[in-house]
Amino acid sequence: MKVASRAYGILLQLLQNLGKVDRTLDDIFEEHLQNFNRQHQQATRLQKEFNNYIRCIRAVQTASKTLMEAITEVYESGWSGHDLLYVQAQNLEMLWQDFSHKLGDQVLIPLNTYTNQFPEVRKKIEKRGRKLVDYDSQRHSFQNLQSNAAKRRDDVKVTKGREQLEEAKRTYEVLNSELHDELPALYDSRVLFYVNNLQTLFSAEQLFHSESHKVYGELEAITDKLANECQRGSYSKKSIMNNISPAASPNATLNSHNGKPAEPTDTVQS
């Protein structure tokens, strides 16, 4: 029975699409549906692109960490600002961690929650479509039944057909009414959601770039100081060797009066 009803529903839809049979139309619902489809498409794209963005951020975070590890390795312990450079490298790593965490917890998770609404609403829309086909099917069946019953005077079938029609109509109208409330409410909710979501994103971006700018400023100052000291020859091997005094030897000490080596002093033994 269900298979036959489903087959009739498919045939009815085909005839409706060809304009052979009338259908129940709801222009207001069609407008809500267009808004829903556009809203769903845009949210899905944003979710996809933001997931890709976070993957890239985490990749750059890892690359930044390994780069700074290599820099602190080549920046020798005897160079000016070595300890400060290490501290700033740690600060930069913490900034990346905080930035990545905020994007995931405060932007992506709410975006996923927002986007996850659409499949459930889509199922309800599709169910409404099926119930609309059932309603139109029962309506056409009842019209045919009335025509035939007028000739055969079969009041029982007419009564049963009317009950089935009323049940199909009631089921359809309940779903239709719910969606007439839910779809515009969902569509209107997009504004406040995107305001909060984008504000969080842009605030996290601004804070990260502002603080990392300060860190890189400190790193630049460290290398500027090293450059100045290097220009003065502080780190050249020759300069370092010239600053080392030879070890004084008693036999090499010159007499301050005649420039000759000092004579050894006799030791008086008791």
Protein backbone atom coordinates (compact mmCIF):
# COMPACT_ATOMS: atom_id res chain seq x y z
CA MET A 1 0.00 0.00 0.00
CA LYS A 2 2.83 2.39 0.91
CA VAL A 3 4.68 1.51 -2.31
CA ALA A 4 1.58 2.27 -4.38
CA SER A 5 1.03 5.54 -2.53
CA ARG A 6 4.66 6.54 -3.03
CA ALA A 7 4.48 5.69 -6.73
CA TYR A 8 1.34 7.77 -7.07
CA GLY A 9 3.06 10.65 -5.26
CA ILE A 10 5.98 10.52 -7.71
CA LEU A 11 3.57 10.44 -10.64
CA LEU A 12 1.68 13.38 -9.17
CA GLN A 13 4.89 15.41 -8.78
CA LEU A 14 5.78 14.66 -12.40
CA LEU A 15 2.35 15.78 -13.60
CA GLN A 16 2.59 18.92 -11.43
CA ASN A 17 5.98 19.76 -12.89
CA LEU A 18 4.52 19.36 -16.37
CA GLY A 19 1.61 21.60 -15.43
CA LYS A 20 -0.94 18.84 -15.97
CA VAL A 21 -2.16 18.85 -12.37
CA ASP A 22 -2.54 21.77 -9.97
CA ARG A 23 -0.42 21.98 -6.83
CA THR A 24 -0.64 23.76 -3.50
CA LEU A 25 1.49 26.91 -3.73
CA ASP A 26 2.95 29.02 -0.93
CA ASP A 27 4.89 32.01 -2.23
CA ILE A 28 5.88 33.20 1.25
CA PHE A 29 7.36 29.81 2.08
CA GLU A 30 9.27 29.79 -1.20
CA GLU A 31 10.86 33.10 -0.22
CA HIS A 32 11.80 31.68 3.19
CA LEU A 33 13.26 28.63 1.44
CA GLN A 34 15.41 30.76 -0.88
CA ASN A 35 16.75 32.70 2.11
CA PHE A 36 17.46 29.44 3.95
CA ASN A 37 19.33 27.94 1.00
CA ARG A 38 21.47 31.05 0.60
CA GLN A 39 22.13 31.25 4.34
CA HIS A 40 23.09 27.57 4.49
CA GLN A 41 25.41 27.86 1.49
CA GLN A 42 27.18 30.92 2.89
CA ALA A 43 27.59 29.41 6.37
CA THR A 44 28.96 26.17 4.92
CA ARG A 45 31.51 28.04 2.82
CA LEU A 46 32.61 30.17 5.79
CA GLN A 47 32.99 27.04 7.91
CA LYS A 48 35.07 25.36 5.20
CA GLU A 49 37.34 28.37 4.66
CA PHE A 50 37.79 28.99 8.38
CA ASN A 51 38.73 25.35 8.99
CA ASN A 52 41.36 25.72 6.29
CA TYR A 53 42.54 29.02 7.82
CA ILE A 54 43.02 27.43 11.26
CA ARG A 55 44.95 24.53 9.72
CA CYS A 56 47.27 27.06 8.08
CA ILE A 57 47.60 29.05 11.32
CA ARG A 58 48.63 25.91 13.20
CA ALA A 59 51.11 25.03 10.47
CA VAL A 60 52.66 28.52 10.68
CA GLN A 61 52.64 28.23 14.48
CA THR A 62 54.73 25.06 14.24
CA ALA A 63 57.01 26.61 11.63
CA SER A 64 57.50 29.72 13.79
CA LYS A 65 58.44 27.60 16.79
CA THR A 66 61.03 25.54 14.92
CA LEU A 67 62.43 28.66 13.24
CA MET A 68 62.92 30.42 16.58
CA GLU A 69 64.55 27.28 17.98
CA ALA A 70 67.04 27.38 15.11
CA ILE A 71 67.64 31.11 15.64
CA THR A 72 68.31 30.70 19.37
CA GLU A 73 70.70 27.88 18.50
CA VAL A 74 72.80 29.99 16.12
CA TYR A 75 72.68 33.03 18.42
CA GLU A 76 75.69 32.21 20.58
CA SER A 77 75.63 32.50 24.35
CA GLY A 78 78.48 35.02 24.35
CA TRP A 79 76.63 37.46 22.12
CA SER A 80 74.86 40.50 23.52
CA GLY A 81 71.18 39.89 24.32
CA HIS A 82 71.34 36.10 24.11
CA ASP A 83 69.15 35.54 27.18
CA LEU A 84 66.71 38.26 26.14
CA LEU A 85 66.35 36.73 22.68
CA TYR A 86 65.44 33.39 24.26
CA VAL A 87 62.79 35.09 26.42
CA GLN A 88 61.25 36.84 23.41
CA ALA A 89 61.20 33.56 21.48
CA GLN A 90 59.21 32.03 24.34
CA ASN A 91 56.86 35.03 24.37
CA LEU A 92 56.23 34.61 20.65
CA GLU A 93 55.46 30.92 21.08
CA MET A 94 52.92 31.72 23.82
CA LEU A 95 51.28 34.34 21.60
CA TRP A 96 50.86 31.76 18.83
CA GLN A 97 49.38 29.24 21.28
CA ASP A 98 46.91 31.74 22.67
CA PHE A 99 45.93 32.93 19.20
CA SER A 100 45.37 29.41 17.88
CA HIS A 101 43.38 28.46 20.99
CA LYS A 102 41.09 31.49 20.68
CA LEU A 103 40.41 30.84 17.02
CA GLY A 104 39.47 27.24 17.75
CA ASP A 105 37.42 27.68 20.92
CA GLN A 106 35.86 31.10 20.47
CA VAL A 107 35.37 31.28 16.69
CA LEU A 108 35.33 27.81 15.11
CA ILE A 109 33.25 25.97 17.74
CA PRO A 110 30.42 28.57 17.68
CA LEU A 111 30.57 28.54 13.87
CA ASN A 112 30.24 24.74 13.85
CA THR A 113 27.28 24.96 16.24
CA TYR A 114 25.62 27.56 14.02
CA THR A 115 26.20 25.54 10.85
CA ASN A 116 25.01 22.28 12.42
CA GLN A 117 21.48 23.69 12.63
CA PHE A 118 20.95 23.54 8.89
CA PRO A 119 20.89 19.76 8.24
CA GLU A 120 18.10 19.27 10.80
CA VAL A 121 16.07 22.12 9.36
CA ARG A 122 16.73 20.72 5.88
CA LYS A 123 15.24 17.38 6.95
CA LYS A 124 12.15 19.16 8.21
CA ILE A 125 11.81 21.06 4.93
CA GLU A 126 12.08 17.81 2.99
CA LYS A 127 9.49 16.20 5.27
CA ARG A 128 7.17 19.14 4.64
CA GLY A 129 7.66 18.59 0.91
CA ARG A 130 6.68 14.93 1.24
CA LYS A 131 3.63 15.81 3.33
CA LEU A 132 2.64 18.41 0.76
CA VAL A 133 2.77 15.75 -1.95
CA ASP A 134 0.68 13.46 0.29
CA TYR A 135 -1.82 16.25 0.84
CA ASP A 136 -2.12 17.05 -2.87
CA SER A 137 -2.35 13.32 -3.60
CA GLN A 138 -5.18 12.87 -1.09
CA ARG A 139 -6.88 15.99 -2.42
CA HIS A 140 -6.86 14.72 -6.01
CA SER A 141 -7.89 11.24 -4.90
CA PHE A 142 -10.80 12.68 -2.95
CA GLN A 143 -11.88 14.79 -5.92
CA ASN A 144 -11.88 11.67 -8.11
CA LEU A 145 -13.66 9.74 -5.39
CA GLN A 146 -16.37 12.38 -5.16
CA SER A 147 -16.90 12.25 -8.92
CA ASN A 148 -17.17 8.47 -8.91
CA ALA A 149 -19.26 8.36 -5.75
CA ALA A 150 -21.82 10.68 -7.30
CA LYS A 151 -22.45 7.99 -9.88
CA ARG A 152 -22.22 4.99 -7.52
CA ARG A 153 -23.52 6.65 -4.35
CA ASP A 154 -20.68 5.17 -2.25
CA ASP A 155 -20.86 7.35 0.86
CA VAL A 156 -18.53 5.10 2.90
CA LYS A 157 -15.60 5.63 0.56
CA VAL A 158 -16.30 9.35 0.44
CA THR A 159 -16.30 9.55 4.24
CA LYS A 160 -13.06 7.59 4.50
CA GLY A 161 -11.48 9.66 1.76
CA ARG A 162 -12.48 12.86 3.53
CA GLU A 163 -10.88 11.63 6.77
CA GLN A 164 -7.65 10.76 4.97
CA LEU A 165 -7.66 14.15 3.29
CA GLU A 166 -8.19 15.97 6.59
CA GLU A 167 -5.39 13.98 8.23
CA ALA A 168 -2.98 14.71 5.37
CA LYS A 169 -3.96 18.38 5.42
CA ARG A 170 -3.51 18.64 9.19
CA THR A 171 -0.06 16.98 9.11
CA TYR A 172 1.09 19.25 6.30
CA GLU A 173 -0.25 22.43 7.87
CA VAL A 174 1.43 21.72 11.23
CA LEU A 175 4.84 21.34 9.57
CA ASN A 176 4.19 24.27 7.26
CA SER A 177 3.21 26.52 10.17
CA GLU A 178 6.28 25.53 12.20
CA LEU A 179 8.60 26.26 9.29
CA HIS A 180 6.89 29.58 8.64
CA ASP A 181 8.02 30.53 12.16
CA GLU A 182 11.40 28.80 12.24
CA LEU A 183 12.84 29.77 8.86
CA PRO A 184 12.54 33.56 9.21
CA ALA A 185 13.75 33.33 12.83
CA LEU A 186 16.80 31.35 11.70
CA TYR A 187 17.43 33.79 8.87
CA ASP A 188 17.23 36.81 11.19
CA SER A 189 19.60 35.17 13.70
CA ARG A 190 22.45 35.34 11.18
CA VAL A 191 23.08 39.05 11.85
CA LEU A 192 23.76 38.79 15.59
CA PHE A 193 25.71 35.56 15.14
CA TYR A 194 28.05 37.02 12.54
CA VAL A 195 28.49 40.20 14.58
CA ASN A 196 29.67 38.22 17.61
CA ASN A 197 31.68 35.69 15.63
CA LEU A 198 33.51 38.22 13.46
CA GLN A 199 34.15 40.58 16.37
CA THR A 200 35.82 37.71 18.23
CA LEU A 201 37.88 36.82 15.17
CA PHE A 202 39.03 40.36 14.44
CA SER A 203 39.76 41.06 18.12
CA ALA A 204 41.94 37.94 18.36
CA GLU A 205 43.74 38.90 15.15
CA GLN A 206 44.33 42.47 16.35
CA LEU A 207 45.68 41.37 19.73
CA PHE A 208 47.97 38.74 18.24
CA HIS A 209 49.46 41.01 15.61
CA SER A 210 49.81 43.91 18.05
CA GLU A 211 51.63 41.82 20.67
CA SER A 212 53.77 39.94 18.15
CA HIS A 213 54.73 43.31 16.64
CA LYS A 214 56.14 44.28 20.06
CA VAL A 215 58.08 41.02 20.30
CA TYR A 216 59.62 41.48 16.87
CA GLY A 217 60.48 45.05 17.83
CA GLU A 218 62.43 43.70 20.82
CA LEU A 219 64.14 41.11 18.64
CA GLU A 220 65.13 43.80 16.16
CA ALA A 221 66.57 45.93 18.98
CA ILE A 222 68.63 42.96 20.19
CA THR A 223 70.16 42.39 16.76
CA ASP A 224 70.73 46.14 16.27
CA LYS A 225 72.78 46.21 19.46
CA LEU A 226 74.73 43.15 18.33
CA ALA A 227 75.37 44.83 14.97
CA ASN A 228 76.78 47.96 16.67
CA GLU A 229 79.08 45.91 18.87
CA CYS A 230 80.16 43.85 15.88
CA GLN A 231 81.08 47.02 13.96
CA ARG A 232 83.31 48.06 16.85
CA GLY A 233 85.12 44.75 16.49
CA SER A 234 83.92 43.37 19.80
CA TYR A 235 83.44 39.89 18.40
CA SER A 236 86.42 39.60 16.00
CA LYS A 237 88.92 36.88 16.85
CA LYS A 238 91.90 39.25 16.36
CA SER A 239 90.46 41.84 18.72
CA ILE A 240 89.81 39.24 21.35
CA MET A 241 93.39 37.87 21.11
CA ASN A 242 94.90 41.37 21.37
CA ASN A 243 92.99 42.02 24.56
CA ILE A 244 94.50 38.95 26.24
CA SER A 245 97.73 39.87 28.25
CA PRO A 246 100.57 37.30 28.18
CA ALA A 247 101.15 35.53 31.49
CA ALA A 248 103.89 37.23 33.53
CA SER A 249 106.96 35.05 34.30
CA PRO A 250 109.55 35.91 37.01
CA ASN A 251 112.42 35.11 34.62
CA ALA A 252 110.89 37.36 31.94
CA THR A 253 110.52 40.39 34.21
CA LEU A 254 112.80 43.22 33.11
CA ASN A 255 114.78 45.34 35.51
CA SER A 256 113.08 48.68 35.58
CA HIS A 257 116.46 50.48 35.64
CA ASN A 258 118.63 48.83 32.96
CA GLY A 259 116.11 46.87 30.89
CA LYS A 260 117.89 43.61 31.71
CA PRO A 261 116.31 40.62 33.31
CA ALA A 262 116.32 40.95 37.05
CA GLU A 263 118.90 38.92 38.87
CA PRO A 264 117.59 36.18 41.07
CA THR A 265 117.59 37.12 44.74
CA ASP A 266 119.68 35.00 47.11
CA THR A 267 117.64 33.29 49.70
CA VAL A 268 119.03 33.36 53.21
CA GLN A 269 118.46 30.15 55.01
CA SER A 270 118.36 30.14 58.74
